[in-house]
Protein backbone atom coordinates (compact mmCIF):
# COMPACT_ATOMS: atom_id res chain seq x y z
CA MET A 1 126.22 77.19 158.04
CA ALA A 2 125.05 75.83 154.68
CA SER A 3 121.51 76.61 153.63
CA LEU A 4 118.89 73.92 153.00
CA LYS A 5 119.20 74.42 149.26
CA ASP A 6 122.99 74.00 149.38
CA LEU A 7 122.65 70.80 151.42
CA LYS A 8 120.03 69.43 149.04
CA ASN A 9 122.23 70.17 146.02
CA ARG A 10 125.22 68.55 147.70
CA ILE A 11 123.25 65.40 148.54
CA LYS A 12 122.11 65.20 144.92
CA SER A 13 125.70 65.63 143.70
CA VAL A 14 127.05 62.91 146.01
CA LYS A 15 124.26 60.53 144.91
CA SER A 16 125.25 61.09 141.29
CA THR A 17 128.89 60.38 142.12
CA GLN A 18 127.84 57.24 143.98
CA LYS A 19 126.03 55.95 140.90
CA ILE A 20 129.18 56.49 138.81
CA THR A 21 131.49 54.76 141.29
CA LYS A 22 129.07 51.83 141.63
CA ALA A 23 128.92 51.43 137.85
CA MET A 24 132.74 51.60 137.60
CA LYS A 25 133.02 48.95 140.32
CA MET A 26 130.72 46.60 138.40
CA VAL A 27 132.61 47.14 135.14
CA ALA A 28 135.96 46.55 136.86
CA ALA A 29 134.61 43.38 138.51
CA ALA A 30 133.53 42.02 135.12
CA LYS A 31 136.90 42.86 133.55
CA LEU A 32 138.79 41.47 136.55
CA ARG A 33 137.44 37.96 136.08
CA ARG A 34 138.75 37.73 132.53
CA ALA A 35 142.02 39.51 133.31
CA LYS A 36 142.67 37.18 136.27
CA GLU A 37 142.12 34.11 134.09
CA HIS A 38 144.53 35.39 131.45
CA ALA A 39 147.21 36.30 134.01
CA GLU A 40 147.00 32.93 135.75
CA ALA A 41 147.10 31.10 132.41
CA ALA A 42 150.26 32.97 131.36
CA ARG A 43 152.29 32.11 134.47
CA PRO A 44 152.98 28.40 133.73
CA TYR A 45 153.99 29.17 130.15
CA ALA A 46 156.42 31.90 131.24
CA GLU A 47 157.91 29.58 133.87
CA ARG A 48 158.32 26.72 131.38
CA MET A 49 159.91 29.06 128.87
CA GLU A 50 162.44 30.21 131.46
CA GLY A 51 163.03 26.58 132.45
CA MET A 52 163.78 25.68 128.84
CA VAL A 53 166.35 28.48 128.63
CA ARG A 54 167.95 27.22 131.84
CA ALA A 55 168.16 23.69 130.44
CA LEU A 56 169.73 24.93 127.21
CA THR A 57 172.22 27.07 129.12
CA ALA A 58 173.30 24.08 131.19
CA ASN A 59 174.23 22.21 127.99
CA VAL A 60 176.10 25.04 126.25
CA THR A 61 179.73 24.19 125.69
CA GLU A 62 182.17 25.86 128.08
CA GLY A 63 183.85 28.84 126.47
CA ALA A 64 181.15 29.28 123.82
CA ALA A 65 180.09 32.83 122.95
CA MET A 66 176.99 33.65 124.99
CA PRO A 67 174.32 36.05 123.68
CA VAL A 68 174.01 39.46 125.36
CA LEU A 69 170.44 38.64 126.43
CA LEU A 70 171.84 35.76 128.48
CA ALA A 71 175.32 36.80 129.56
CA GLY A 72 174.97 40.58 129.51
CA THR A 73 177.71 43.01 128.55
CA GLY A 74 180.04 42.08 131.40
CA SER A 75 179.28 45.31 133.24
CA GLN A 76 176.48 46.66 135.45
CA ASN A 77 177.03 50.39 135.22
CA VAL A 78 174.03 51.46 133.10
CA HIS A 79 170.57 50.26 134.16
CA LEU A 80 167.43 50.49 132.03
CA LEU A 81 164.35 50.51 134.27
CA VAL A 82 161.06 49.66 132.52
CA VAL A 83 158.26 51.13 134.66
CA ALA A 84 154.91 49.60 133.72
CA THR A 85 151.75 51.37 134.93
CA SER A 86 148.28 52.02 133.52
CA ASP A 87 147.02 54.85 131.34
CA ARG A 88 144.13 55.78 133.64
CA GLY A 89 143.69 56.65 137.27
CA LEU A 90 140.86 55.95 139.74
CA CYS A 91 142.50 52.66 140.72
CA GLY A 92 143.69 53.36 144.24
CA ALA A 93 147.40 53.03 144.92
CA PHE A 94 148.05 50.83 141.86
CA ASN A 95 150.09 53.40 139.92
CA SER A 96 151.60 55.29 142.86
CA SER A 97 152.97 52.11 144.47
CA ILE A 98 154.83 51.18 141.27
CA VAL A 99 156.22 54.67 140.76
CA ARG A 100 157.20 54.95 144.43
CA ALA A 101 159.11 51.66 144.25
CA ALA A 102 160.77 52.78 141.00
CA ARG A 103 161.91 56.03 142.62
CA ARG A 104 163.43 54.12 145.52
CA GLN A 105 165.24 51.83 143.10
CA ILE A 106 166.55 54.79 141.09
CA ALA A 107 167.81 56.49 144.25
CA ASP A 108 169.48 53.25 145.41
CA LEU A 109 171.21 52.66 142.07
CA GLU A 110 172.43 56.26 141.82
CA ALA A 111 173.71 56.09 145.40
CA ARG A 112 175.90 53.17 144.26
CA GLY A 113 177.25 55.20 141.34
CA LYS A 114 175.11 53.60 138.61
CA THR A 115 173.55 55.38 135.65
CA VAL A 116 169.78 54.92 135.34
CA LYS A 117 167.65 55.30 132.22
CA ILE A 118 163.85 54.94 132.28
CA PHE A 119 161.45 53.38 129.78
CA CYS A 120 157.86 54.33 130.68
CA VAL A 121 155.06 51.91 129.82
CA GLY A 122 151.74 53.62 130.50
CA ARG A 123 150.77 57.28 130.68
CA LYS A 124 150.78 57.46 134.47
CA ALA A 125 154.40 56.32 134.68
CA TYR A 126 155.54 59.19 132.47
CA GLU A 127 153.33 61.81 134.17
CA GLN A 128 154.63 60.97 137.65
CA LEU A 129 158.28 60.25 136.85
CA ALA A 130 158.69 63.24 134.52
CA LEU A 131 158.27 65.58 137.50
CA GLN A 132 161.58 64.45 138.99
CA HIS A 133 163.40 62.29 136.41
CA LYS A 134 162.41 63.69 133.01
CA GLY A 135 166.03 63.79 131.82
CA LYS A 136 166.40 60.05 132.46
CA ILE A 137 163.36 59.01 130.39
CA VAL A 138 164.61 57.64 127.07
CA ASP A 139 161.33 56.32 125.62
CA ARG A 140 157.68 55.78 126.49
CA VAL A 141 154.61 53.97 125.20
CA SER A 142 150.95 54.16 126.19
CA ALA A 143 147.49 52.94 125.20
CA LEU A 144 148.43 49.29 125.81
CA TYR A 145 145.44 48.55 128.06
CA ARG A 146 142.55 49.86 125.97
CA THR A 147 141.97 46.24 125.05
CA ARG A 148 143.41 43.09 126.60
CA PRO A 149 147.19 42.98 125.99
CA ASP A 150 148.06 40.36 123.37
CA PHE A 151 151.33 38.66 122.55
CA ALA A 152 151.82 40.69 119.37
CA THR A 153 151.79 43.89 121.45
CA ALA A 154 154.23 42.38 123.95
CA ASP A 155 156.51 41.24 121.11
CA GLU A 156 156.60 44.74 119.62
CA LEU A 157 157.27 46.21 123.05
CA ALA A 158 160.09 43.70 123.61
CA LYS A 159 161.71 44.69 120.31
CA ARG A 160 161.42 48.37 121.23
CA ILE A 161 162.94 47.79 124.67
CA LEU A 162 165.78 45.79 123.11
CA MET A 163 166.41 48.58 120.60
CA VAL A 164 166.57 51.18 123.39
CA PHE A 165 168.81 48.85 125.41
CA GLU A 166 171.32 48.64 122.56
CA LYS A 167 171.02 52.31 121.55
CA GLU A 168 171.63 53.60 125.09
CA ASN A 169 174.47 51.09 125.71
CA CYS A 170 172.73 49.67 128.75
CA ASP A 171 174.06 46.76 130.78
CA VAL A 172 171.03 45.65 132.82
CA CYS A 173 167.30 45.87 132.06
CA THR A 174 164.67 45.43 134.79
CA ILE A 175 160.89 45.73 134.58
CA VAL A 176 158.78 46.83 137.56
CA TYR A 177 155.08 45.95 137.65
CA ASN A 178 152.36 44.77 140.02
CA HIS A 179 152.02 41.01 140.51
CA PHE A 180 148.35 40.07 140.97
CA ARG A 181 147.44 38.13 144.11
CA SER A 182 143.85 39.14 144.72
CA ALA A 183 141.50 42.06 144.23
CA ILE A 184 142.84 43.66 147.42
CA SER A 185 146.48 42.56 147.16
CA GLN A 186 148.96 43.47 144.41
CA VAL A 187 152.69 43.12 144.98
CA VAL A 188 155.22 45.43 143.32
CA THR A 189 157.70 43.15 141.54
CA PHE A 190 161.12 43.80 140.01
CA GLN A 191 162.05 41.27 137.32
CA GLN A 192 165.42 41.40 135.60
CA LEU A 193 165.03 40.84 131.86
CA ILE A 194 168.56 41.42 130.55
CA PRO A 195 170.76 39.57 131.27
CA LEU A 196 168.48 36.68 132.13
CA PRO A 197 169.20 35.75 135.77
CA LEU A 198 170.30 32.10 135.88
CA GLU A 199 172.00 29.87 138.43
CA GLU A 200 175.62 28.99 138.21
CA ARG A 201 176.34 26.49 135.48
CA GLY A 202 176.67 23.59 137.95
CA ASP A 203 173.40 24.47 139.69
CA ALA A 204 171.59 24.86 136.37
CA ALA A 205 172.84 21.48 135.20
CA ALA A 206 171.64 19.88 138.43
CA THR A 207 168.09 21.09 137.79
CA VAL A 208 167.88 19.28 134.45
CA GLN A 209 166.02 16.03 135.11
CA ALA A 210 166.59 14.41 131.71
CA VAL A 211 169.26 14.43 129.02
CA TYR A 212 168.24 15.92 125.68
CA GLU A 213 169.96 16.06 122.33
CA TYR A 214 169.35 19.37 120.59
CA GLU A 215 169.17 19.96 116.87
CA PRO A 216 170.56 22.43 115.84
CA GLU A 217 173.15 23.25 118.51
CA GLU A 218 172.17 24.89 121.78
CA GLU A 219 173.78 28.21 120.77
CA ALA A 220 171.59 28.45 117.64
CA ILE A 221 168.44 27.61 119.59
CA LEU A 222 169.26 30.19 122.28
CA ALA A 223 169.76 32.89 119.64
CA ASP A 224 166.15 32.36 118.52
CA LEU A 225 164.64 31.48 121.91
CA LEU A 226 166.02 34.35 124.03
CA PRO A 227 164.17 37.19 122.19
CA LYS A 228 161.02 35.07 122.36
CA ASN A 229 161.51 34.54 126.09
CA LEU A 230 161.93 38.31 126.56
CA ALA A 231 158.57 38.87 124.83
CA VAL A 232 156.93 36.14 126.93
CA GLN A 233 158.17 37.64 130.22
CA ILE A 234 156.96 41.12 129.17
CA PHE A 235 153.61 39.62 128.09
CA LYS A 236 153.25 38.02 131.52
CA ALA A 237 154.07 41.34 133.22
CA LEU A 238 151.45 43.17 131.11
CA LEU A 239 148.78 40.59 131.96
CA GLU A 240 149.67 40.74 135.67
CA ASN A 241 149.43 44.54 135.51
CA ALA A 242 146.07 44.41 133.71
CA ALA A 243 144.59 42.11 136.35
CA SER A 244 146.10 44.16 139.19
CA GLU A 245 144.69 47.37 137.73
CA GLN A 246 141.14 46.01 137.55
CA GLY A 247 141.40 44.55 141.05
CA ALA A 248 142.69 47.84 142.45
CA ARG A 249 140.00 49.81 140.58
CA MET A 250 137.23 47.52 141.81
CA THR A 251 138.42 47.87 145.41
CA ALA A 252 138.86 51.65 145.10
CA MET A 253 135.41 52.15 143.57
CA ASP A 254 133.83 49.91 146.22
CA ASN A 255 135.42 52.05 148.94
CA ALA A 256 134.33 55.22 147.15
CA THR A 257 130.75 53.93 146.92
CA ARG A 258 130.73 53.12 150.63
CA ASN A 259 132.21 56.54 151.50
CA ALA A 260 129.59 58.25 149.34
CA GLY A 261 126.85 56.36 151.19
CA ASP A 262 128.28 57.49 154.54
CA MET A 263 128.49 61.08 153.30
CA ILE A 264 124.89 60.97 152.08
CA SER A 265 123.77 59.74 155.51
CA ARG A 266 125.65 62.54 157.28
CA LEU A 267 124.38 65.21 154.89
CA THR A 268 120.80 63.91 155.13
CA LEU A 269 120.99 64.05 158.93
CA GLN A 270 122.38 67.58 158.75
CA TYR A 271 119.67 68.55 156.25
CA ASN A 272 116.89 67.16 158.48
CA ARG A 273 118.27 68.93 161.55
CA SER A 274 118.58 72.23 159.68
CA ARG A 275 115.06 71.84 158.27
CA GLN A 276 113.66 71.05 161.72
CA ALA A 277 115.47 74.05 163.18
CA ALA A 278 114.05 76.29 160.47
CA ILE A 279 110.51 74.98 161.08
CA THR A 280 110.88 75.43 164.83
CA LYS A 281 112.13 78.99 164.33
CA GLU A 282 109.17 79.84 162.09
CA LEU A 283 106.71 78.39 164.63
CA ILE A 284 108.30 80.42 167.44
CA GLU A 285 108.02 83.59 165.33
CA ILE A 286 104.34 82.85 164.56
CA ILE A 287 103.52 82.12 168.21
CA SER A 288 105.41 85.22 169.39
CA GLY A 289 103.55 87.37 166.86
CA ALA A 290 100.19 85.93 167.90
CA GLU A 291 100.91 86.61 171.56
CA ALA A 292 101.99 90.15 170.82
CA ILE A 293 98.57 90.90 169.27
């Protein structure tokens, strides 16, 4: 049984931890509001950008040479999986859910005879995937979330991913990240980046509501627009991840604060009972000694 001094020290330690978790919860809540606004503002732009690419694709002349970013390499044997996590922990199941989904996807692709290569975005992705798939990791980046992700960072990341895609002779590139719904709900999402998933040509043409004349030709516009669209989709994924991380951290720290409060209550009750038992024992010893005299 722990002594009174040990219980007192433990209560003091838990109270200190509770102060830290409460402060982290408040910081995450403040960051979440801004991150949520940025993520929600990026969604319409990313959707419109993809819609513009669809409209351009529907007007490309039949038989024209299609860029690799749009049409792919004609094969699906080598997959590049971009796993986007955070650099820090203490955010609940935010990182582990992404890595767990990535591992399932890797196992599924390899079961179908595909070759998988991994691009790690965030320190936690590399730390967890390197334990089992270190030989598959072809590149990694970190320190993207020290400040709010900006488009310049996403553009550089898109260029780096494209360079790895070409260097490793990949056929398909997919990014996995957490889509932000609320502070307590983040959904692991797989989004194919290369080739850009589009409807069949007839279906894509049917979605175009108006007829446009493009200058220069559609092929020239696509050559410039597709790399930009890749950066926009990655930028959206980074913003969704940033908001999801703060939401998960706020929820995790709130739970930790509540658990610390419950632990303090239990330890205080145990301390009071032990103290009362010690006082009762001392009184019995005094009374017994007095009676013996």
